[in-house]
Protein backbone atom coordinates (compact mmCIF):
# COMPACT_ATOMS: atom_id res chain seq x y z
CA MET A 1 18.32 98.12 -37.50
CA LYS A 2 17.60 98.86 -41.13
CA LYS A 3 14.10 97.38 -40.86
CA ILE A 4 13.32 99.50 -37.80
CA LYS A 5 14.45 102.68 -39.58
CA ALA A 6 12.37 101.83 -42.68
CA SER A 7 9.24 101.23 -40.63
CA ARG A 8 9.71 104.50 -38.77
CA SER A 9 10.09 106.44 -42.07
CA SER A 10 6.96 104.89 -43.59
CA SER A 11 4.89 105.60 -40.48
CA SER A 12 6.02 109.26 -40.45
CA PHE A 13 5.10 109.55 -44.13
CA LEU A 14 1.63 108.14 -43.49
CA VAL A 15 1.13 110.44 -40.53
CA GLY A 16 2.11 113.42 -42.67
CA ILE A 17 -0.31 112.44 -45.43
CA PHE A 18 -3.07 111.94 -42.86
CA VAL A 19 -2.43 115.36 -41.33
CA ILE A 20 -2.45 117.07 -44.76
CA ILE A 21 -5.67 115.33 -45.85
CA GLY A 22 -7.31 116.11 -42.52
CA SER A 23 -6.30 119.77 -42.76
CA ILE A 24 -7.69 120.03 -46.29
CA LEU A 25 -10.97 118.42 -45.22
CA LEU A 26 -11.22 120.70 -42.18
CA VAL A 27 -10.64 123.85 -44.25
CA SER A 28 -13.16 122.67 -46.87
CA ILE A 29 -15.79 122.03 -44.20
CA ILE A 30 -15.21 125.44 -42.63
CA ILE A 31 -15.52 127.19 -46.02
CA TRP A 32 -18.62 125.19 -46.91
CA LEU A 33 -20.30 125.91 -43.59
CA GLY A 34 -19.42 129.60 -43.85
CA ALA A 35 -20.75 129.88 -47.39
CA SER A 36 -23.93 128.00 -46.46
CA SER A 37 -24.51 130.25 -43.46
CA PHE A 38 -23.89 133.35 -45.61
CA LEU A 39 -26.26 132.21 -48.34
CA GLU A 40 -28.94 131.33 -45.78
CA LYS A 41 -28.92 134.89 -44.39
CA ASN A 42 -28.74 136.73 -47.73
CA VAL A 43 -30.74 136.71 -50.94
CA GLN A 44 -29.35 137.55 -54.35
CA TYR A 45 -31.00 140.29 -56.44
CA LEU A 46 -30.22 142.24 -59.58
CA THR A 47 -30.58 145.92 -60.35
CA TYR A 48 -29.89 147.89 -63.51
CA PHE A 49 -28.62 151.44 -64.08
CA ASP A 50 -28.71 153.47 -67.28
CA GLY A 51 -26.10 155.94 -66.01
CA SER A 52 -22.54 155.84 -64.74
CA VAL A 53 -21.79 153.71 -61.66
CA GLU A 54 -18.23 154.97 -61.28
CA GLY A 55 -17.18 154.69 -57.64
CA LEU A 56 -19.33 151.60 -57.00
CA ASP A 57 -17.17 148.49 -56.50
CA PRO A 58 -17.78 144.83 -55.57
CA GLY A 59 -18.04 144.68 -51.80
CA SER A 60 -19.56 148.16 -51.48
CA ALA A 61 -22.25 148.48 -48.84
CA VAL A 62 -25.97 148.14 -49.51
CA LYS A 63 -27.99 150.14 -46.99
CA TYR A 64 -31.66 150.49 -46.16
CA LEU A 65 -32.28 154.08 -45.06
CA GLY A 66 -28.67 154.28 -43.86
CA VAL A 67 -28.53 150.84 -42.14
CA PRO A 68 -26.19 148.24 -43.72
CA VAL A 69 -28.22 145.25 -44.97
CA GLY A 70 -26.00 143.71 -47.66
CA THR A 71 -23.14 144.07 -50.09
CA VAL A 72 -22.57 144.62 -53.79
CA GLY A 73 -21.53 141.54 -55.77
CA GLN A 74 -20.63 141.53 -59.42
CA ILE A 75 -20.81 144.64 -61.64
CA GLU A 76 -21.00 144.08 -65.39
CA VAL A 77 -22.69 145.17 -68.60
CA ALA A 78 -26.24 143.84 -68.97
CA PRO A 79 -27.11 141.31 -71.72
CA ASP A 80 -28.67 144.05 -73.85
CA GLY A 81 -25.31 145.86 -74.02
CA ARG A 82 -26.90 149.13 -72.88
CA LEU A 83 -27.54 148.94 -69.12
CA ILE A 84 -25.20 148.22 -66.21
CA GLN A 85 -26.09 145.07 -64.25
CA VAL A 86 -25.28 145.04 -60.53
CA THR A 87 -25.65 141.91 -58.42
CA ILE A 88 -26.49 142.61 -54.77
CA LEU A 89 -26.79 140.36 -51.72
CA ILE A 90 -29.43 141.53 -49.25
CA SER A 91 -30.49 140.23 -45.87
CA LYS A 92 -33.71 138.21 -45.73
CA GLN A 93 -35.03 140.58 -43.09
CA ILE A 94 -35.64 143.29 -45.70
CA GLU A 95 -39.10 143.28 -47.26
CA ILE A 96 -38.73 143.47 -51.05
CA SER A 97 -41.73 144.88 -52.95
CA ASP A 98 -42.43 146.55 -56.30
CA SER A 99 -42.37 149.99 -54.68
CA LEU A 100 -38.85 149.53 -53.28
CA ARG A 101 -36.14 151.38 -55.18
CA VAL A 102 -32.34 151.40 -55.10
CA LYS A 103 -30.10 154.34 -55.95
CA ALA A 104 -26.37 155.04 -55.91
CA GLU A 105 -25.24 157.57 -53.30
CA MET A 106 -21.88 159.10 -52.42
CA ALA A 107 -20.07 157.27 -49.60
CA GLY A 108 -17.23 159.74 -49.10
CA ILE A 109 -15.36 162.69 -50.49
CA ALA A 110 -12.99 160.30 -52.30
CA GLY A 111 -15.72 159.40 -54.81
CA GLY A 112 -16.81 156.03 -53.41
CA LYS A 113 -20.45 155.03 -53.64
CA PHE A 114 -22.92 152.70 -51.95
CA LEU A 115 -26.42 151.51 -52.81
CA GLN A 116 -29.35 152.93 -50.87
CA LEU A 117 -32.65 151.05 -50.58
CA TYR A 118 -35.70 153.23 -49.94
CA PHE A 119 -39.38 153.78 -50.74
CA PRO A 120 -39.70 157.03 -52.75
CA SER A 121 -42.51 159.40 -51.77
CA ASP A 122 -42.46 161.16 -55.15
CA THR A 123 -44.48 159.12 -57.66
CA ALA A 124 -42.65 160.75 -60.57
CA ILE A 125 -39.29 159.56 -59.24
CA ALA A 126 -40.72 156.08 -58.60
CA LYS A 127 -41.58 155.80 -62.31
CA MET A 128 -38.06 156.76 -63.48
CA TYR A 129 -36.42 153.37 -63.89
CA PRO A 130 -34.82 151.77 -66.97
CA SER A 131 -36.92 149.30 -68.93
CA ILE A 132 -35.67 145.70 -69.20
CA ASN A 133 -36.43 143.68 -72.34
CA PHE A 134 -34.62 140.46 -71.44
CA LYS A 135 -34.98 137.64 -68.92
CA THR A 136 -33.10 137.83 -65.63
CA GLU A 137 -31.65 135.02 -63.53
CA PHE A 138 -32.61 136.59 -60.18
CA PRO A 139 -35.37 138.94 -58.96
CA VAL A 140 -34.92 142.58 -59.95
CA ILE A 141 -35.07 145.66 -57.72
CA ARG A 142 -35.79 148.74 -59.82
CA SER A 143 -33.30 151.57 -59.68
CA SER A 144 -34.04 155.28 -59.42
CA PRO A 145 -32.03 158.48 -60.01
CA SER A 146 -29.49 159.50 -57.39
CA GLY A 147 -29.87 162.63 -55.27
CA ILE A 148 -27.81 164.78 -57.66
CA GLN A 149 -29.74 163.43 -60.65
CA GLU A 150 -33.05 164.24 -58.92
CA ILE A 151 -31.97 167.87 -58.54
CA GLU A 152 -31.09 168.01 -62.25
CA ILE A 153 -34.46 166.48 -63.19
CA ALA A 154 -36.38 168.95 -61.00
CA ALA A 155 -34.51 171.92 -62.51
CA ARG A 156 -35.23 170.62 -66.01
CA GLU A 157 -38.95 170.27 -65.14
CA ILE A 158 -39.09 173.90 -64.00
CA MET A 159 -37.56 175.11 -67.26
CA ASN A 160 -39.90 172.91 -69.33
CA ASN A 161 -42.97 174.24 -67.49
CA ILE A 162 -41.86 177.82 -68.05
CA MET A 163 -41.23 177.15 -71.74
CA LYS A 164 -44.74 175.71 -72.12
CA PHE A 165 -46.20 179.18 -71.55
CA GLN A 166 -46.76 180.68 -75.01
CA PHE A 167 -45.39 184.16 -74.53
CA ASP A 168 -45.21 184.81 -78.28
CA SER A 169 -48.89 183.99 -78.84
CA VAL A 170 -50.05 186.16 -75.95
CA SER A 171 -47.80 189.02 -77.04
CA TYR A 172 -49.06 188.82 -80.64
CA SER A 173 -52.72 188.86 -79.50
CA ALA A 174 -52.10 191.81 -77.17
CA VAL A 175 -50.34 193.80 -79.92
CA ASN A 176 -53.16 193.00 -82.35
CA PHE A 177 -55.75 194.15 -79.83
CA PHE A 178 -54.00 197.45 -79.10
CA THR A 179 -53.46 198.06 -82.83
CA SER A 180 -57.15 197.54 -83.56
CA THR A 181 -58.09 199.80 -80.66
CA SER A 182 -55.80 202.53 -81.96
CA ASP A 183 -57.24 202.16 -85.47
CA PHE A 184 -60.72 202.42 -84.01
CA PHE A 185 -60.10 205.73 -82.26
CA ASN A 186 -58.17 207.13 -85.24
CA ASN A 187 -60.84 206.11 -87.74
CA GLN A 188 -62.03 208.97 -89.98
CA LYS A 189 -65.54 207.53 -90.08
CA LEU A 190 -65.85 207.80 -86.30
CA PHE A 191 -64.59 211.37 -86.48
CA ASN A 192 -67.24 212.22 -89.11
CA ILE A 193 -70.02 210.62 -87.05
CA ILE A 194 -69.06 212.60 -83.96
CA SER A 195 -68.86 215.79 -86.05
CA ASN A 196 -72.32 215.12 -87.50
CA LEU A 197 -73.70 214.51 -84.03
CA GLU A 198 -72.20 217.76 -82.84
CA ASN A 199 -73.60 219.68 -85.84
CA THR A 200 -77.02 218.09 -85.44
CA SER A 201 -77.05 218.92 -81.75
CA SER A 202 -76.14 222.54 -82.51
CA GLU A 203 -78.84 222.78 -85.17
CA LEU A 204 -81.39 221.25 -82.84
CA LYS A 205 -80.47 223.71 -80.12
CA LEU A 206 -80.77 226.60 -82.57
CA LEU A 207 -84.08 225.22 -83.80
CA MET A 208 -85.53 225.07 -80.30
CA SER A 209 -84.42 228.64 -79.64
CA ASN A 210 -86.23 229.79 -82.83
CA ALA A 211 -89.36 227.81 -82.20
CA ASN A 212 -91.56 230.85 -82.96
CA ASN A 213 -89.98 231.27 -86.37
CA ILE A 214 -92.00 230.46 -89.53
CA ASN A 215 -89.35 227.95 -90.77
CA PHE A 216 -89.51 225.97 -87.53
CA TRP A 217 -91.15 222.87 -89.01
CA GLU A 218 -88.93 222.84 -92.06
CA ASN A 219 -85.81 223.09 -89.90
CA LEU A 220 -87.17 220.41 -87.57
CA ASP A 221 -87.76 218.06 -90.48
CA HIS A 222 -84.27 218.70 -91.84
CA SER A 223 -82.67 218.13 -88.42
CA SER A 224 -84.62 214.91 -87.95
CA VAL A 225 -83.39 213.61 -91.29
CA GLU A 226 -79.79 214.49 -90.43
CA LEU A 227 -80.14 212.91 -86.99
CA TYR A 228 -81.56 209.74 -88.54
CA LYS A 229 -78.68 209.54 -91.03
CA THR A 230 -76.19 210.04 -88.23
CA SER A 231 -77.78 207.29 -86.11
CA LEU A 232 -77.65 204.91 -89.10
CA ALA A 233 -73.99 205.69 -89.65
CA LEU A 234 -73.30 205.22 -85.94
CA LYS A 235 -75.12 201.87 -85.97
CA GLU A 236 -73.18 200.77 -89.05
CA PHE A 237 -69.91 201.72 -87.40
CA SER A 238 -70.93 199.94 -84.19
CA ASP A 239 -71.68 196.75 -86.14
CA GLU A 240 -68.34 197.01 -87.87
CA LEU A 241 -66.59 197.50 -84.52
CA ASN A 242 -68.30 194.42 -83.04
CA LYS A 243 -67.26 192.42 -86.09
CA LYS A 244 -63.66 193.54 -85.64
CA LEU A 245 -63.71 192.57 -81.97
CA ASP A 246 -65.17 189.18 -82.83
CA GLU A 247 -62.40 188.64 -85.37
CA ILE A 248 -59.76 189.52 -82.79
CA ASN A 249 -61.34 187.09 -80.28
CA ILE A 250 -59.22 188.54 -77.51
CA GLY A 251 -61.37 187.21 -74.64
CA PRO A 252 -60.74 183.48 -75.14
CA VAL A 253 -57.08 184.17 -75.87
CA ILE A 254 -56.66 186.01 -72.57
CA ASP A 255 -58.61 183.33 -70.70
CA GLU A 256 -56.49 180.57 -72.23
CA ALA A 257 -53.29 182.47 -71.48
CA ALA A 258 -54.37 182.98 -67.86
CA ARG A 259 -55.24 179.30 -67.54
CA LYS A 260 -51.86 178.23 -68.92
CA TYR A 261 -50.11 180.74 -66.68
CA ASP A 262 -51.88 179.32 -63.61
CA SER A 263 -50.96 175.77 -64.67
CA VAL A 264 -47.34 176.74 -65.25
CA MET A 265 -47.12 178.46 -61.88
CA VAL A 266 -48.64 175.46 -60.07
CA ASN A 267 -46.25 173.03 -61.77
CA ALA A 268 -43.31 175.33 -61.15
CA ASN A 269 -44.26 175.62 -57.48
CA ILE A 270 -44.42 171.82 -57.14
CA ALA A 271 -41.10 171.44 -58.93
CA VAL A 272 -39.47 174.06 -56.68
CA LYS A 273 -40.71 172.20 -53.59
CA ASN A 274 -39.33 168.93 -54.96
CA ILE A 275 -35.96 170.43 -55.80
CA SER A 276 -35.73 172.03 -52.35
CA TYR A 277 -36.52 168.68 -50.71
CA ARG A 278 -33.95 166.85 -52.85
CA PHE A 279 -31.35 169.54 -52.31
CA GLU A 280 -31.95 169.31 -48.56
CA ASN A 281 -31.35 165.54 -48.70
CA ALA A 282 -28.17 166.14 -50.68
CA LEU A 283 -27.00 168.60 -48.02
CA PHE A 284 -27.74 166.06 -45.26
CA ASN A 285 -25.68 163.44 -47.11
CA LEU A 286 -22.86 165.93 -47.58
CA ASN A 287 -23.02 166.80 -43.88
CA ASP A 288 -22.71 163.10 -42.99
CA LEU A 289 -19.70 162.80 -45.28
CA ILE A 290 -18.03 165.81 -43.67
CA THR A 291 -18.76 164.44 -40.18
CA SER A 292 -17.25 161.05 -41.02
CA PHE A 293 -14.25 162.77 -42.61
CA ASN A 294 -13.70 164.84 -39.45
CA SER A 295 -13.91 161.69 -37.32
CA THR A 296 -11.40 159.89 -39.54
CA ASN A 297 -9.13 162.92 -39.46
CA LYS A 298 -9.20 162.97 -35.65
CA GLN A 299 -8.31 159.28 -35.48
CA ILE A 300 -5.39 159.81 -37.86
CA LYS A 301 -4.18 162.72 -35.72
CA ARG A 302 -4.33 160.57 -32.57
CA THR A 303 -2.38 157.78 -34.28
CA LEU A 304 0.28 160.18 -35.54
CA GLN A 305 0.53 161.80 -32.11
CA ALA A 306 0.93 158.41 -30.42
CA PHE A 307 3.56 157.39 -32.97
CA THR A 308 5.44 160.66 -32.40
CA ASP A 309 5.31 160.40 -28.60
CA ASN A 310 6.25 156.72 -28.31
CA PRO A 311 7.01 154.93 -31.60
CA SER A 312 8.08 151.76 -29.78
CA GLN A 313 4.53 151.33 -28.52
CA ILE A 314 3.31 151.17 -32.12
CA LEU A 315 6.11 149.10 -33.68
CA LEU A 316 6.88 146.76 -30.76
CA SER A 317 4.64 145.00 -28.29
CA ASN A 318 6.87 146.06 -25.40
CA PRO A 319 9.42 148.86 -25.13
CA PRO A 320 13.00 147.68 -25.62
CA ALA A 321 15.09 147.06 -22.54
CA PRO A 322 17.32 149.97 -21.62
CA GLU A 323 20.88 149.61 -22.75
CA LYS A 324 23.48 148.89 -20.07
């Protein structure tokens, strides 16, 4: 009897060991097959951000124009100690090219974020990515500013374009021109020339009225001399005026100011269009967040209502039997 009991105990022990080893092998095979299948469908990439990625966590969604195509892996500081390195797993179906960009977008009102893959239409935004001066283990997808950051950049561009217009230079030239013009009309020399012209004209008129007088030729000669002197003075003043105007050089200044003004207005108009487009996208994203929040709120209300009406249906699979 003792031998029979010992053999039964040893066989049970062997069966138990066999079951445990078989279970471990089965679980290992399942994990290995699952990991292999996952790695076959997804490709690992890296992206780098030079700003805050608060709200982005491992496991966050990676979307292509709103469609989920992958997940976020590890988030850590880059080897240069300056950038943030994000590992992402993306489906092989997505075409990866140099023009593809990734940006962090808000995923909800709670502050969560996801990564959005897209092809930017604005060439200026496409060029705004952090430079990498170290070797990477996996291919890199360049990052771009988020929607909120794009609005900030566009507003900054508008202010920079407005500041490029040299208001002080134009104002100084205009004041200088008006000052010179005022000095010209208040010049005593001009007043004397006009007075001499008036006197000469009066004398010439008087001379013509006394043409039959004996002193006609003497008066005519005297008037001619005075008229000649006046014309010389007028010519001298005209040359001096032209010299003053050349020194002011107001024409090129006004032309340059007008050219800069046109350039500033064109750049400002482009920047305003960009900021309106980016702000519209931000509003669309906010609208999606509000819609999803409303849907979640409705589901919570239904659950609470069902729990209030019949809590046994939530807590138990079947209602309890009525008490006798």
